[in-house]
Amino acid sequence: MFDSFLLAFTALFSIVNPIAMALIFSQVTVGRSPRERARLAGLVSLYSALVMLTALWAGAYVLNFFGISLAALRIAGGFVVAERAWALLSAPEAHEAKKQEQAAPAETAEESAFFPLTIPFTTGPGTISVAIALGSTRPADSAALGSFFLGVSAAALAISALIWLSYRSADRLVALLGHTRARVLTRLFAFLLFCVGVQILLNGVTDALGPMLAGRK
């Protein structure tokens, strides 16, 4: 369970990056009252948890229902995760600018909490892809399946709690870190995410080639 928690937490933290996103959140909500911003932080955290849990639990099963094998899912998911991480690693400024543009249409708290502040600003297609790829790494052993989903679910809930804390304390984070240190953290976790994507990809290739190599012996 701890291994699955650590894998999921590292991957989800890297792609969501709540600390860097809090810096942008403080900019796009600058005209709101402290009470509104606190309410937005809570709603976005709740909706983000639902998005990540749904993708973790059901994403891989839905794709398997359409005839996509687990090996193919892992290969594609690992490639997507690695590609997203490479984009974050090479150009975090472009990623931040895109996130800020996505969140710009935000109006009232209730209307904007899910769209655009949760999707696509906080947990967009990249996060959903990462969560589905993580769900595809579920063990074949049914005895270990419960511990796996407990671990990855705990990681998703921990990320949602960090989103709430980061967004609620956005102004203090801006003063403490600044954009330069936030980008350093972004690149550090992007590299970890890149490693996670490569590992998922290698697991998929091993699953696909294993039976073929075994058949030749």
Protein backbone atom coordinates (compact mmCIF):
# COMPACT_ATOMS: atom_id res chain seq x y z
CA MET A 1 0.00 0.00 0.00
CA PHE A 2 2.82 2.42 0.87
CA ASP A 3 4.54 1.76 -2.47
CA SER A 4 1.35 2.51 -4.44
CA PHE A 5 0.77 5.63 -2.32
CA LEU A 6 4.30 6.89 -2.96
CA LEU A 7 4.10 6.22 -6.70
CA ALA A 8 0.70 7.91 -7.07
CA PHE A 9 1.52 10.84 -4.80
CA THR A 10 4.75 11.64 -6.68
CA ALA A 11 3.09 11.43 -10.08
CA LEU A 12 -0.04 13.38 -9.14
CA PHE A 13 1.87 16.06 -7.23
CA SER A 14 4.17 16.56 -10.21
CA ILE A 15 1.37 17.04 -12.74
CA VAL A 16 -1.01 19.00 -10.48
CA ASN A 17 1.79 21.03 -8.86
CA PRO A 18 -0.49 22.75 -6.32
CA ILE A 19 2.26 25.12 -5.13
CA ALA A 20 2.94 26.58 -8.58
CA MET A 21 -0.78 26.62 -9.41
CA ALA A 22 -1.47 28.53 -6.18
CA LEU A 23 0.69 31.36 -7.52
CA ILE A 24 -1.56 31.58 -10.59
CA PHE A 25 -4.70 31.08 -8.47
CA SER A 26 -3.75 34.17 -6.47
CA GLN A 27 -3.53 36.18 -9.71
CA VAL A 28 -6.83 35.07 -11.29
CA THR A 29 -8.77 35.57 -8.04
CA VAL A 30 -7.14 38.84 -7.03
CA GLY A 31 -10.45 40.72 -7.20
CA ARG A 32 -12.30 38.38 -4.82
CA SER A 33 -12.81 38.74 -1.09
CA PRO A 34 -10.83 36.47 1.29
CA ARG A 35 -14.06 34.61 2.11
CA GLU A 36 -14.77 33.93 -1.57
CA ARG A 37 -11.23 32.72 -2.18
CA ALA A 38 -11.41 30.38 0.82
CA ARG A 39 -14.72 28.98 -0.46
CA LEU A 40 -13.24 28.52 -3.93
CA ALA A 41 -10.24 26.70 -2.46
CA GLY A 42 -12.53 24.25 -0.67
CA LEU A 43 -14.75 23.61 -3.70
CA VAL A 44 -11.81 23.14 -6.09
CA SER A 45 -10.19 20.73 -3.62
CA LEU A 46 -13.40 18.67 -3.37
CA TYR A 47 -13.98 18.55 -7.13
CA SER A 48 -10.32 17.72 -7.79
CA ALA A 49 -10.54 14.76 -5.40
CA LEU A 50 -13.62 13.46 -7.26
CA VAL A 51 -11.92 13.84 -10.66
CA MET A 52 -8.75 12.04 -9.58
CA LEU A 53 -10.56 9.23 -7.74
CA THR A 54 -12.87 8.59 -10.68
CA ALA A 55 -9.95 8.40 -13.10
CA LEU A 56 -7.96 6.14 -10.76
CA TRP A 57 -10.79 3.73 -10.03
CA ALA A 58 -12.70 3.58 -13.31
CA GLY A 59 -10.47 4.95 -16.07
CA ALA A 60 -8.52 1.77 -16.80
CA TYR A 61 -11.64 -0.43 -16.58
CA VAL A 62 -13.52 1.80 -19.03
CA LEU A 63 -10.69 1.59 -21.56
CA ASN A 64 -10.45 -2.19 -21.06
CA PHE A 65 -14.19 -2.40 -21.76
CA PHE A 66 -13.49 -1.00 -25.22
CA GLY A 67 -10.95 -3.74 -25.90
CA ILE A 68 -7.77 -1.86 -25.02
CA SER A 69 -5.38 -4.27 -23.35
CA LEU A 70 -3.67 -3.46 -20.07
CA ALA A 71 -0.26 -3.55 -21.79
CA ALA A 72 -1.39 -1.09 -24.46
CA LEU A 73 -2.93 1.12 -21.79
CA ARG A 74 0.32 1.17 -19.81
CA ILE A 75 2.42 1.94 -22.90
CA ALA A 76 0.14 4.77 -24.02
CA GLY A 77 -0.30 6.08 -20.48
CA GLY A 78 3.43 6.01 -19.78
CA PHE A 79 4.11 7.84 -23.04
CA VAL A 80 1.53 10.53 -22.21
CA VAL A 81 2.90 10.96 -18.69
CA ALA A 82 6.48 11.21 -19.94
CA GLU A 83 5.48 13.69 -22.66
CA ARG A 84 3.62 15.89 -20.17
CA ALA A 85 6.58 15.77 -17.80
CA TRP A 86 9.00 16.70 -20.58
CA ALA A 87 6.86 19.71 -21.48
CA LEU A 88 6.86 20.81 -17.82
CA LEU A 89 10.59 20.18 -17.54
CA SER A 90 11.58 22.09 -20.67
CA ALA A 91 9.09 24.99 -20.56
CA PRO A 92 7.29 25.47 -17.23
CA GLU A 93 6.65 29.13 -18.09
CA ALA A 94 4.53 28.15 -21.11
CA HIS A 95 2.61 25.68 -18.93
CA GLU A 96 1.90 28.39 -16.34
CA ALA A 97 0.77 30.85 -19.03
CA LYS A 98 -1.64 28.29 -20.47
CA LYS A 99 -3.07 27.55 -17.01
CA GLN A 100 -3.60 31.25 -16.34
CA GLU A 101 -5.40 31.66 -19.68
CA GLN A 102 -7.67 28.70 -18.87
CA ALA A 103 -8.66 30.14 -15.51
CA ALA A 104 -9.25 33.68 -16.75
CA PRO A 105 -13.02 33.32 -17.54
CA ALA A 106 -13.77 32.61 -13.83
CA GLU A 107 -16.86 34.56 -12.63
CA THR A 108 -18.87 33.70 -9.51
CA ALA A 109 -17.46 31.15 -7.05
CA GLU A 110 -20.20 28.57 -7.63
CA GLU A 111 -20.04 28.87 -11.42
CA SER A 112 -16.27 28.83 -11.73
CA ALA A 113 -15.29 26.30 -9.05
CA PHE A 114 -15.67 23.25 -11.32
CA PHE A 115 -15.06 24.93 -14.68
CA PRO A 116 -12.56 26.37 -15.30
CA LEU A 117 -10.82 26.30 -11.89
CA THR A 118 -10.99 22.50 -11.38
CA ILE A 119 -11.11 21.41 -15.02
CA PRO A 120 -8.93 22.29 -16.84
CA PHE A 121 -6.98 24.63 -14.50
CA THR A 122 -6.19 22.29 -11.58
CA THR A 123 -6.95 18.73 -12.73
CA GLY A 124 -7.07 18.88 -16.49
CA PRO A 125 -6.45 16.29 -19.22
CA GLY A 126 -2.86 15.80 -18.06
CA THR A 127 -3.90 14.91 -14.52
CA ILE A 128 -6.66 12.60 -15.78
CA SER A 129 -4.18 10.86 -18.11
CA VAL A 130 -1.72 10.38 -15.26
CA ALA A 131 -4.45 9.01 -12.98
CA ILE A 132 -5.65 6.54 -15.63
CA ALA A 133 -2.06 5.44 -16.26
CA LEU A 134 -1.57 4.92 -12.52
CA GLY A 135 -4.79 2.91 -12.33
CA SER A 136 -3.50 0.71 -15.13
CA THR A 137 -0.59 -0.38 -12.90
CA ARG A 138 -3.01 -2.26 -10.62
CA PRO A 139 -1.67 -5.70 -9.63
CA ALA A 140 -3.09 -8.84 -11.21
CA ASP A 141 -3.25 -10.50 -7.81
CA SER A 142 -6.73 -9.88 -6.38
CA ALA A 143 -5.36 -10.09 -2.84
CA ALA A 144 -3.15 -7.05 -3.44
CA LEU A 145 -5.78 -5.11 -5.38
CA GLY A 146 -7.45 -3.65 -2.29
CA SER A 147 -4.17 -2.38 -0.85
CA PHE A 148 -3.25 -0.87 -4.21
CA PHE A 149 -6.46 1.12 -4.59
CA LEU A 150 -6.32 2.15 -0.94
CA GLY A 151 -2.83 3.53 -1.47
CA VAL A 152 -3.56 5.43 -4.70
CA SER A 153 -6.85 6.76 -3.27
CA ALA A 154 -5.03 8.03 -0.18
CA ALA A 155 -2.55 9.76 -2.50
CA ALA A 156 -5.38 11.47 -4.43
CA LEU A 157 -6.96 12.66 -1.17
CA ALA A 158 -3.58 13.93 0.05
CA ILE A 159 -3.14 15.90 -3.20
CA SER A 160 -6.63 17.39 -2.84
CA ALA A 161 -5.76 18.44 0.73
CA LEU A 162 -2.57 20.10 -0.56
CA ILE A 163 -4.63 21.89 -3.23
CA TRP A 164 -6.90 23.28 -0.49
CA LEU A 165 -3.97 24.35 1.68
CA SER A 166 -2.02 25.88 -1.23
CA TYR A 167 -4.96 27.77 -2.72
CA ARG A 168 -6.18 28.96 0.68
CA SER A 169 -2.67 30.22 1.49
CA ALA A 170 -1.92 31.47 -2.02
CA ASP A 171 -0.96 34.99 -0.96
CA ARG A 172 1.46 33.72 1.68
CA LEU A 173 3.00 31.26 -0.79
CA VAL A 174 3.54 34.06 -3.31
CA ALA A 175 5.39 36.07 -0.68
CA LEU A 176 7.37 33.08 0.58
CA LEU A 177 8.44 31.40 -2.65
CA GLY A 178 8.12 33.79 -5.52
CA HIS A 179 8.04 32.68 -9.15
CA THR A 180 11.71 31.67 -9.39
CA ARG A 181 11.63 29.17 -6.52
CA ALA A 182 8.25 27.85 -7.67
CA ARG A 183 9.71 27.12 -11.10
CA VAL A 184 12.67 25.33 -9.54
CA LEU A 185 10.22 23.08 -7.67
CA THR A 186 8.23 22.61 -10.87
CA ARG A 187 11.29 21.33 -12.73
CA LEU A 188 12.31 19.06 -9.86
CA PHE A 189 8.94 17.33 -9.67
CA ALA A 190 8.62 17.29 -13.45
CA PHE A 191 11.79 15.18 -13.61
CA LEU A 192 10.33 12.77 -11.05
CA LEU A 193 7.14 12.60 -13.12
CA PHE A 194 9.20 11.86 -16.25
CA CYS A 195 10.80 8.91 -14.42
CA VAL A 196 7.35 7.65 -13.38
CA GLY A 197 6.14 7.85 -16.99
CA VAL A 198 9.15 5.91 -18.26
CA GLN A 199 8.61 3.24 -15.59
CA ILE A 200 4.92 2.82 -16.56
CA LEU A 201 5.98 2.60 -20.22
CA LEU A 202 8.59 -0.06 -19.44
CA ASN A 203 6.00 -2.06 -17.47
CA GLY A 204 3.72 -2.00 -20.51
CA VAL A 205 6.47 -3.09 -22.88
CA THR A 206 7.41 -5.92 -20.51
CA ASP A 207 3.75 -7.04 -20.32
CA ALA A 208 3.46 -6.99 -24.11
CA LEU A 209 6.74 -8.71 -24.96
CA GLY A 210 6.88 -11.13 -22.02
CA PRO A 211 4.44 -13.75 -23.45
CA MET A 212 6.08 -13.49 -26.89
CA LEU A 213 9.57 -14.07 -25.52
CA ALA A 214 8.34 -16.88 -23.26
CA GLY A 215 6.72 -18.59 -26.27
CA ARG A 216 10.03 -18.73 -28.12
CA LYS A 217 11.74 -20.67 -25.35
